[in-house]
Amino acid sequence: MVDSTLSGDAIQYLAVIHGTEDVIALLNCCNFEDRQILYFNNGVELSTAWENKKLNIVGIISQSEILAPSGISLLEALKNKGLPHVPFFLISNQYNSNLRKLALSAGVVDVFKAPAKMHKVQTRVNFLVDNWDHIKSNVHVKVNDNYVVPAGKRAFDIFFSGMALLMLSPIFLIIYLLVRLESKGPAFYYSLRVGTGYRVFKFYKFRSMYVNADQRLKDLKHLNQYSAASETPAPETVATVEVTAAPSTPLTPMLCNDCLKAGKCQFPIYTDKVSWCEKDYMKNKKTAAGSAFFKLKNDPRITKVGNFIRNTSIDELPQLWNVFIGDMSIVGNRPLPLYEAEKLTTDKYALRFNAPAGITGLWQVEKRGKGDMSEEERLMLDNVYAKNHSLKNDLRLIFKTIPALLQKESV
């Protein structure tokens, strides 16, 4: 963390975010000339200190996956706050040529694969900081991969979602009150999703489980309907696990293997003041006594109101707000969790991100009445939609199946 006594002066600082002990030790061994290192826990801490203390920060080194909150999303957030444009480096575990290309096109000046080598970090950081005035004009700082939602489609999204929010506002109020009255905790929660051009945004839903539902999971294994020898169920029949901890109850994060390598959770879900690892939640679906899936009949973690809003897909209604503010469209490719999007950076799959993120899309329509659809088929249909989407085709998809608009998410 930054020393509270620091103030703006001529000293040049390198800001380091999410540094693990190994990275801190590596950076402390580097010779960054006369520049001093400041350590921050997160981007909010950095931006607050930067603004309030007028720090002369000349470079940022973030230990984060490229699509995680402290990756290209943080770079975009700092840019939007109007903070100085300085060299932004990443130290990441997940790394390949396509991820590197994505990071560089978003404005990251260099990516080091963990464990990073001292001489490479020292040389690259010093060179880019020293020559930044000559280099920065050639650095692109745009995350959305040049895709812009067509004006007609955006106008339709605003009109449709605005009218829906207005007409459904009484239902929103009733569900909000019922969720809060039946159990403690926030009525809404959000997780981070990757949408158009790999842009990361907050994805909203109504809460449908009791608080601390994740902590009950280990006590419910005897109710699991699947054994190791049982058949694999359809993805949509598997109980969804969501973060439901009470805001007043601080949690000790349970980190998955990928997060342990980084030393911080790379895939958080948020409710008010607490967060949890989404990837860990998804793994909890597969935990019970060697079973490939975890499914509970009459799951006691789900509230009565939660059971109703899940069965009717009302828990998905807050996504209309995502549409209204431009994070999503009514029709598009479903936005993906961060850890899934990181796997889809090859030429074969990346095309799906050059289309709007949507509540419903081509594969949801194609799936109806045709049984299970493989992940490969879904991804190929996402690519087909990206190549051929238009307002006319979107309207055709909507009229083909109105119920698909609020189909349950199983990505």
Protein backbone atom coordinates (compact mmCIF):
# COMPACT_ATOMS: atom_id res chain seq x y z
CA MET A 1 0.00 0.00 0.00
CA VAL A 2 1.05 3.58 -0.55
CA ASP A 3 2.42 5.50 2.43
CA SER A 4 -0.16 8.05 3.55
CA THR A 5 2.59 10.66 4.00
CA LEU A 6 3.42 10.72 0.31
CA SER A 7 2.42 13.76 -1.71
CA GLY A 8 2.91 15.01 -5.22
CA ASP A 9 6.51 15.99 -6.03
CA ALA A 10 9.22 15.48 -8.61
CA ILE A 11 9.90 11.89 -7.51
CA GLN A 12 8.91 9.37 -10.18
CA TYR A 13 6.88 6.37 -9.01
CA LEU A 14 6.12 2.94 -10.46
CA ALA A 15 2.73 1.68 -9.21
CA VAL A 16 2.46 -2.08 -8.62
CA ILE A 17 -0.97 -3.71 -8.22
CA HIS A 18 -1.73 -7.16 -6.73
CA GLY A 19 1.93 -7.98 -6.22
CA THR A 20 2.56 -11.42 -4.70
CA GLU A 21 5.63 -12.06 -2.57
CA ASP A 22 7.51 -13.49 -5.56
CA VAL A 23 6.72 -10.48 -7.75
CA ILE A 24 7.53 -8.00 -4.99
CA ALA A 25 10.87 -9.73 -4.44
CA LEU A 26 11.59 -9.66 -8.18
CA LEU A 27 10.75 -5.96 -8.54
CA ASN A 28 12.76 -5.01 -5.47
CA CYS A 29 15.80 -6.59 -7.14
CA CYS A 30 15.31 -4.54 -10.31
CA ASN A 31 17.21 -1.32 -10.90
CA PHE A 32 14.56 1.17 -12.00
CA GLU A 33 17.06 4.03 -11.87
CA ASP A 34 15.77 6.78 -9.55
CA ARG A 35 12.16 5.64 -9.62
CA GLN A 36 10.46 4.43 -6.45
CA ILE A 37 7.95 1.58 -6.24
CA LEU A 38 4.53 2.01 -4.64
CA TYR A 39 2.39 -1.07 -3.92
CA PHE A 40 -1.40 -1.04 -4.12
CA ASN A 41 -3.98 -3.73 -3.36
CA ASN A 42 -6.28 -2.80 -6.25
CA GLY A 43 -7.03 -0.24 -8.93
CA VAL A 44 -9.39 1.79 -6.73
CA GLU A 45 -6.63 2.29 -4.17
CA LEU A 46 -4.26 3.34 -6.93
CA SER A 47 -6.61 5.83 -8.60
CA THR A 48 -7.62 7.38 -5.25
CA ALA A 49 -4.01 7.95 -4.18
CA TRP A 50 -3.05 9.15 -7.65
CA GLU A 51 -5.80 11.77 -7.71
CA ASN A 52 -5.71 12.92 -4.09
CA LYS A 53 -1.93 13.04 -3.59
CA LYS A 54 -1.08 14.16 -7.14
CA LEU A 55 1.52 11.41 -7.39
CA ASN A 56 3.98 11.53 -10.26
CA ILE A 57 3.29 7.97 -11.45
CA VAL A 58 5.24 7.17 -14.61
CA GLY A 59 4.33 3.48 -15.03
CA ILE A 60 1.96 0.79 -13.76
CA ILE A 61 2.75 -2.91 -13.30
CA SER A 62 -0.31 -5.05 -12.59
CA GLN A 63 -0.09 -8.73 -11.66
CA SER A 64 -3.31 -9.85 -13.28
CA GLU A 65 -4.77 -11.96 -16.05
CA ILE A 66 -5.42 -9.95 -19.19
CA LEU A 67 -9.22 -10.20 -18.97
CA ALA A 68 -9.41 -9.96 -15.17
CA PRO A 69 -10.55 -6.75 -13.40
CA SER A 70 -6.97 -5.50 -12.92
CA GLY A 71 -6.06 -6.21 -16.55
CA ILE A 72 -7.31 -4.28 -19.59
CA SER A 73 -10.47 -3.31 -17.67
CA LEU A 74 -8.37 -1.36 -15.18
CA LEU A 75 -6.48 0.34 -18.00
CA GLU A 76 -9.77 1.45 -19.52
CA ALA A 77 -11.08 2.63 -16.12
CA LEU A 78 -7.99 4.75 -15.48
CA LYS A 79 -8.31 6.26 -18.94
CA ASN A 80 -11.99 7.09 -18.34
CA LYS A 81 -11.12 8.84 -15.07
CA GLY A 82 -8.85 11.18 -17.01
CA LEU A 83 -5.67 10.10 -15.25
CA PRO A 84 -2.35 10.55 -17.09
CA HIS A 85 -1.61 8.05 -19.84
CA VAL A 86 1.46 6.12 -18.63
CA PRO A 87 2.99 2.76 -19.64
CA PHE A 88 0.82 -0.12 -18.36
CA PHE A 89 2.45 -3.56 -17.92
CA LEU A 90 0.91 -6.93 -17.00
CA ILE A 91 2.40 -9.99 -15.32
CA SER A 92 0.06 -12.88 -16.18
CA ASN A 93 -0.16 -16.64 -15.79
CA GLN A 94 -2.45 -17.18 -18.81
CA TYR A 95 -0.52 -16.17 -21.89
CA ASN A 96 -0.50 -16.89 -25.63
CA SER A 97 -0.03 -14.92 -28.84
CA ASN A 98 -3.72 -14.05 -29.18
CA LEU A 99 -4.03 -12.87 -25.57
CA ARG A 100 -0.90 -10.78 -26.08
CA LYS A 101 -2.35 -9.29 -29.27
CA LEU A 102 -5.58 -8.50 -27.40
CA ALA A 103 -3.67 -6.80 -24.57
CA LEU A 104 -1.50 -4.73 -26.90
CA SER A 105 -4.50 -3.60 -28.96
CA ALA A 106 -6.17 -2.46 -25.71
CA GLY A 107 -3.21 -0.25 -24.81
CA VAL A 108 -1.07 -2.52 -22.62
CA VAL A 109 2.56 -1.82 -23.58
CA ASP A 110 3.95 -5.23 -22.59
CA VAL A 111 2.93 -8.54 -21.00
CA PHE A 112 5.31 -10.71 -18.98
CA LYS A 113 4.49 -14.37 -18.44
CA ALA A 114 4.82 -15.43 -14.82
CA PRO A 115 7.33 -16.17 -13.44
CA ALA A 116 8.83 -13.08 -15.06
CA LYS A 117 12.59 -12.71 -15.50
CA MET A 118 14.19 -9.81 -13.70
CA HIS A 119 16.42 -8.54 -16.52
CA LYS A 120 13.50 -8.52 -19.00
CA VAL A 121 11.22 -6.59 -16.66
CA GLN A 122 13.96 -4.13 -15.74
CA THR A 123 15.02 -3.52 -19.34
CA ARG A 124 11.53 -3.17 -20.80
CA VAL A 125 10.14 -0.98 -18.02
CA ASN A 126 13.10 1.41 -18.05
CA PHE A 127 13.15 1.65 -21.84
CA LEU A 128 9.43 2.32 -22.22
CA VAL A 129 9.26 4.82 -19.36
CA ASP A 130 12.35 6.67 -20.61
CA ASN A 131 10.99 6.91 -24.16
CA TRP A 132 7.29 7.20 -23.39
CA ASP A 133 6.83 10.67 -24.88
CA HIS A 134 7.94 9.33 -28.28
CA ILE A 135 6.08 6.02 -28.01
CA LYS A 136 2.64 6.85 -26.60
CA SER A 137 1.27 8.40 -29.77
CA ASN A 138 1.51 4.95 -31.41
CA VAL A 139 -0.13 3.04 -28.55
CA HIS A 140 -3.80 2.16 -29.06
CA VAL A 141 -6.00 2.52 -25.99
CA LYS A 142 -9.25 0.99 -27.07
CA VAL A 143 -10.78 -2.23 -25.75
CA ASN A 144 -13.77 -2.66 -28.00
CA ASP A 145 -11.92 -3.93 -31.07
CA ASN A 146 -13.42 -1.17 -33.28
CA TYR A 147 -16.91 -2.71 -33.13
CA VAL A 148 -19.75 -0.23 -32.75
CA VAL A 149 -23.37 -1.32 -32.34
CA PRO A 150 -25.33 -0.05 -35.38
CA ALA A 151 -27.49 2.99 -34.64
CA GLY A 152 -30.73 1.18 -35.57
CA LYS A 153 -29.97 -1.76 -33.29
CA ARG A 154 -28.96 0.52 -30.41
CA ALA A 155 -32.13 2.58 -30.81
CA PHE A 156 -34.20 -0.61 -30.74
CA ASP A 157 -32.36 -1.82 -27.62
CA ILE A 158 -32.95 1.46 -25.78
CA PHE A 159 -36.63 1.58 -26.75
CA PHE A 160 -37.34 -2.09 -25.98
CA SER A 161 -35.43 -2.23 -22.69
CA GLY A 162 -36.68 1.18 -21.58
CA MET A 163 -40.32 0.23 -22.18
CA ALA A 164 -39.77 -3.15 -20.51
CA LEU A 165 -38.15 -1.57 -17.45
CA LEU A 166 -40.98 0.95 -17.19
CA MET A 167 -43.75 -1.63 -17.50
CA LEU A 168 -42.01 -4.16 -15.26
CA SER A 169 -41.01 -1.66 -12.55
CA PRO A 170 -43.85 -2.80 -10.23
CA ILE A 171 -42.59 -6.39 -10.56
CA PHE A 172 -39.04 -5.23 -9.84
CA LEU A 173 -40.25 -3.50 -6.67
CA ILE A 174 -42.29 -6.50 -5.51
CA ILE A 175 -39.44 -8.97 -6.12
CA TYR A 176 -36.98 -6.64 -4.42
CA LEU A 177 -39.15 -6.46 -1.31
CA LEU A 178 -39.89 -10.19 -1.26
CA VAL A 179 -36.21 -11.13 -1.59
CA ARG A 180 -35.21 -8.77 1.22
CA LEU A 181 -38.10 -9.82 3.48
CA GLU A 182 -37.52 -13.56 3.13
CA SER A 183 -33.77 -13.58 3.79
CA LYS A 184 -30.94 -11.28 4.81
CA GLY A 185 -28.60 -9.92 2.20
CA PRO A 186 -28.77 -7.83 -0.97
CA ALA A 187 -31.59 -8.27 -3.47
CA PHE A 188 -29.19 -8.02 -6.41
CA TYR A 189 -25.77 -9.42 -7.16
CA TYR A 190 -23.44 -9.08 -10.09
CA SER A 191 -20.61 -10.99 -11.66
CA LEU A 192 -18.15 -9.80 -14.28
CA ARG A 193 -18.78 -10.82 -17.87
CA VAL A 194 -16.88 -10.40 -21.13
CA GLY A 195 -18.92 -8.95 -23.97
CA THR A 196 -18.31 -7.14 -27.25
CA GLY A 197 -14.64 -6.71 -28.12
CA TYR A 198 -13.67 -8.50 -24.88
CA ARG A 199 -15.01 -5.57 -22.85
CA VAL A 200 -15.69 -6.52 -19.21
CA PHE A 201 -18.88 -5.29 -17.51
CA LYS A 202 -21.10 -5.94 -14.47
CA PHE A 203 -23.80 -8.53 -15.16
CA TYR A 204 -26.83 -8.17 -12.84
CA LYS A 205 -29.33 -10.70 -11.47
CA PHE A 206 -31.80 -11.04 -8.60
CA ARG A 207 -30.52 -13.10 -5.65
CA SER A 208 -32.33 -16.42 -5.28
CA MET A 209 -30.42 -18.17 -2.46
CA TYR A 210 -30.08 -17.72 1.26
CA VAL A 211 -27.04 -15.88 2.55
CA ASN A 212 -23.90 -17.98 2.95
CA ALA A 213 -25.42 -20.66 0.70
CA ASP A 214 -21.94 -21.62 -0.48
CA GLN A 215 -20.97 -22.57 3.07
CA ARG A 216 -23.90 -25.00 3.27
CA LEU A 217 -22.76 -26.89 0.20
CA LYS A 218 -20.37 -29.22 2.04
CA ASP A 219 -23.18 -30.21 4.44
CA LEU A 220 -25.51 -31.22 1.61
CA LYS A 221 -23.40 -33.79 -0.27
CA HIS A 222 -25.56 -36.66 0.95
CA LEU A 223 -28.47 -35.14 -1.00
CA ASN A 224 -26.60 -35.20 -4.31
CA GLN A 225 -28.67 -36.96 -6.96
CA TYR A 226 -25.68 -37.90 -9.08
CA SER A 227 -23.04 -40.49 -8.35
CA ALA A 228 -19.76 -40.97 -10.16
CA ALA A 229 -21.37 -43.61 -12.36
CA SER A 230 -24.49 -41.68 -13.18
CA GLU A 231 -25.21 -40.17 -16.56
CA THR A 232 -24.12 -36.65 -17.30
CA PRO A 233 -27.14 -34.34 -16.99
CA ALA A 234 -27.95 -31.50 -19.33
CA PRO A 235 -26.13 -28.34 -18.28
CA GLU A 236 -29.32 -26.48 -17.52
CA THR A 237 -30.39 -29.06 -14.89
CA VAL A 238 -27.35 -28.49 -12.73
CA ALA A 239 -27.98 -26.30 -9.70
CA THR A 240 -26.58 -22.82 -10.21
CA VAL A 241 -24.39 -21.58 -7.39
CA GLU A 242 -24.31 -17.86 -6.76
CA VAL A 243 -22.62 -15.66 -4.21
CA THR A 244 -25.01 -14.88 -1.39
CA ALA A 245 -22.96 -13.83 1.60
CA ALA A 246 -24.43 -11.15 3.82
CA PRO A 247 -22.72 -7.79 3.30
CA SER A 248 -22.02 -7.54 7.01
CA THR A 249 -20.24 -10.91 7.05
CA PRO A 250 -16.65 -10.65 5.77
CA LEU A 251 -15.44 -13.76 4.00
CA THR A 252 -12.02 -15.31 3.58
CA PRO A 253 -11.75 -15.88 -0.18
CA MET A 254 -11.49 -19.50 -1.31
CA LEU A 255 -9.09 -19.34 -4.22
CA CYS A 256 -8.98 -21.75 -7.12
CA ASN A 257 -5.63 -22.96 -8.48
CA ASP A 258 -5.41 -20.17 -11.06
CA CYS A 259 -6.09 -17.53 -8.42
CA LEU A 260 -3.60 -19.08 -6.00
CA LYS A 261 -0.87 -18.63 -8.62
CA ALA A 262 -1.72 -14.93 -8.86
CA GLY A 263 -2.17 -14.56 -5.10
CA LYS A 264 -5.51 -12.81 -5.61
CA CYS A 265 -8.94 -13.79 -6.88
CA GLN A 266 -8.99 -13.21 -10.65
CA PHE A 267 -12.68 -14.05 -11.20
CA PRO A 268 -14.73 -12.31 -8.46
CA ILE A 269 -18.51 -12.15 -8.05
CA TYR A 270 -19.79 -9.23 -6.02
CA THR A 271 -22.67 -8.46 -3.70
CA ASP A 272 -22.39 -5.09 -2.03
CA LYS A 273 -19.21 -5.21 0.09
CA VAL A 274 -18.13 -8.84 -0.32
CA SER A 275 -16.83 -10.90 -3.20
CA TRP A 276 -16.25 -14.55 -4.05
CA CYS A 277 -14.45 -16.51 -6.74
CA GLU A 278 -16.82 -17.40 -9.59
CA LYS A 279 -14.57 -20.14 -10.91
CA ASP A 280 -14.62 -21.75 -7.48
CA TYR A 281 -18.42 -21.60 -7.53
CA MET A 282 -18.57 -23.36 -10.86
CA LYS A 283 -16.28 -26.06 -9.52
CA ASN A 284 -18.64 -26.52 -6.56
CA LYS A 285 -21.14 -27.94 -9.02
CA LYS A 286 -18.84 -30.94 -9.37
CA THR A 287 -17.74 -31.57 -5.80
CA ALA A 288 -19.93 -34.21 -4.19
CA ALA A 289 -18.10 -37.49 -3.43
CA GLY A 290 -16.44 -37.83 -6.82
CA SER A 291 -19.64 -37.09 -8.69
CA ALA A 292 -19.23 -35.33 -12.01
CA PHE A 293 -22.18 -33.05 -11.22
CA PHE A 294 -23.90 -31.73 -8.16
CA LYS A 295 -27.66 -31.48 -8.22
CA LEU A 296 -30.05 -31.15 -5.29
CA LYS A 297 -33.71 -31.96 -5.43
CA ASN A 298 -35.61 -29.20 -3.64
CA ASP A 299 -32.28 -27.47 -2.96
CA PRO A 300 -32.59 -26.10 0.63
CA ARG A 301 -30.22 -23.24 -0.22
CA ILE A 302 -32.76 -21.68 -2.59
CA THR A 303 -35.39 -19.45 -1.02
CA LYS A 304 -39.07 -19.83 -1.82
CA VAL A 305 -38.99 -16.55 -3.69
CA GLY A 306 -35.74 -17.61 -5.35
CA ASN A 307 -37.30 -20.86 -6.57
CA PHE A 308 -40.16 -18.92 -8.13
CA ILE A 309 -38.01 -16.29 -9.85
CA ARG A 310 -35.66 -18.99 -11.18
CA ASN A 311 -38.47 -21.11 -12.61
CA THR A 312 -40.02 -18.05 -14.25
CA SER A 313 -36.64 -16.53 -15.24
CA ILE A 314 -37.55 -13.35 -13.39
CA ASP A 315 -34.10 -13.46 -11.78
CA GLU A 316 -32.74 -12.53 -15.24
CA LEU A 317 -34.80 -9.33 -15.55
CA PRO A 318 -32.07 -6.99 -14.20
CA GLN A 319 -30.16 -7.68 -17.42
CA LEU A 320 -32.60 -5.29 -19.09
CA TRP A 321 -30.67 -2.58 -17.27
CA ASN A 322 -27.47 -3.89 -18.85
CA VAL A 323 -29.17 -3.50 -22.23
CA PHE A 324 -30.42 0.01 -21.47
CA ILE A 325 -26.98 1.33 -20.49
CA GLY A 326 -25.30 -0.31 -23.48
CA ASP A 327 -23.45 -3.26 -21.93
CA MET A 328 -25.63 -5.73 -23.85
CA SER A 329 -28.28 -5.93 -26.56
CA ILE A 330 -31.59 -7.74 -26.57
CA VAL A 331 -30.19 -10.15 -29.18
CA GLY A 332 -26.54 -11.15 -29.30
CA ASN A 333 -24.00 -13.70 -28.11
CA ARG A 334 -24.24 -14.51 -24.42
CA PRO A 335 -21.51 -12.72 -22.42
CA LEU A 336 -19.06 -15.14 -20.83
CA PRO A 337 -17.40 -15.42 -17.42
CA LEU A 338 -13.82 -14.17 -17.42
CA TYR A 339 -12.26 -17.60 -17.09
CA GLU A 340 -14.23 -18.93 -20.08
CA ALA A 341 -13.51 -15.92 -22.28
CA GLU A 342 -9.76 -16.33 -21.66
CA LYS A 343 -9.94 -19.71 -23.41
CA LEU A 344 -11.57 -18.28 -26.54
CA THR A 345 -8.84 -16.12 -28.01
CA THR A 346 -7.93 -18.30 -31.00
CA ASP A 347 -9.02 -17.30 -34.51
CA LYS A 348 -11.55 -20.14 -34.40
CA TYR A 349 -13.57 -18.60 -31.58
CA ALA A 350 -12.58 -14.94 -31.22
CA LEU A 351 -15.06 -13.89 -33.93
CA ARG A 352 -17.95 -14.33 -31.46
CA PHE A 353 -16.72 -11.23 -29.58
CA ASN A 354 -17.06 -9.07 -32.69
CA ALA A 355 -20.81 -8.97 -32.15
CA PRO A 356 -23.08 -7.53 -29.45
CA ALA A 357 -23.43 -9.36 -26.15
CA GLY A 358 -27.10 -10.25 -25.75
CA ILE A 359 -29.83 -11.62 -23.50
CA THR A 360 -30.78 -14.12 -26.17
CA GLY A 361 -29.17 -15.23 -29.40
CA LEU A 362 -29.01 -17.67 -32.25
CA TRP A 363 -27.99 -20.76 -30.29
CA GLN A 364 -30.79 -20.30 -27.74
CA VAL A 365 -33.31 -20.25 -30.58
CA GLU A 366 -31.72 -23.20 -32.37
CA LYS A 367 -31.61 -25.23 -29.16
CA ARG A 368 -35.33 -25.06 -28.40
CA GLY A 369 -36.98 -28.41 -29.05
CA LYS A 370 -33.74 -30.04 -30.22
CA GLY A 371 -32.36 -31.42 -26.95
CA ASP A 372 -28.81 -30.83 -25.79
CA MET A 373 -26.35 -28.79 -27.79
CA SER A 374 -22.60 -29.24 -27.43
CA GLU A 375 -20.33 -26.38 -26.47
CA GLU A 376 -18.67 -26.59 -29.89
CA GLU A 377 -22.04 -26.20 -31.64
CA ARG A 378 -22.91 -23.20 -29.48
CA LEU A 379 -19.62 -21.49 -30.23
CA MET A 380 -19.98 -22.10 -33.95
CA LEU A 381 -23.49 -20.61 -33.88
CA ASP A 382 -22.05 -17.60 -32.04
CA ASN A 383 -19.63 -17.14 -34.95
CA VAL A 384 -22.47 -17.48 -37.46
CA TYR A 385 -24.39 -14.76 -35.62
CA ALA A 386 -21.32 -12.49 -35.55
CA LYS A 387 -20.97 -12.77 -39.34
CA ASN A 388 -24.64 -12.23 -40.19
CA HIS A 389 -26.25 -10.16 -37.44
CA SER A 390 -28.50 -7.27 -38.37
CA LEU A 391 -31.60 -5.62 -36.94
CA LYS A 392 -33.75 -7.54 -39.44
CA ASN A 393 -32.26 -10.88 -38.38
CA ASP A 394 -32.55 -9.89 -34.70
CA LEU A 395 -36.28 -9.23 -35.11
CA ARG A 396 -36.66 -12.59 -36.85
CA LEU A 397 -34.99 -14.32 -33.89
CA ILE A 398 -37.20 -12.51 -31.40
CA PHE A 399 -40.39 -13.45 -33.20
CA LYS A 400 -39.28 -17.06 -33.63
CA THR A 401 -39.29 -17.58 -29.91
CA ILE A 402 -40.32 -14.90 -27.44
CA PRO A 403 -39.63 -17.23 -24.46
CA ALA A 404 -35.96 -17.36 -25.51
CA LEU A 405 -35.58 -13.73 -24.47
CA LEU A 406 -35.24 -14.71 -20.82
CA GLN A 407 -33.86 -18.21 -21.21
CA LYS A 408 -31.78 -19.35 -18.27
CA GLU A 409 -28.05 -18.82 -18.54
CA SER A 410 -25.88 -21.92 -18.68
CA VAL A 411 -22.64 -20.47 -19.98
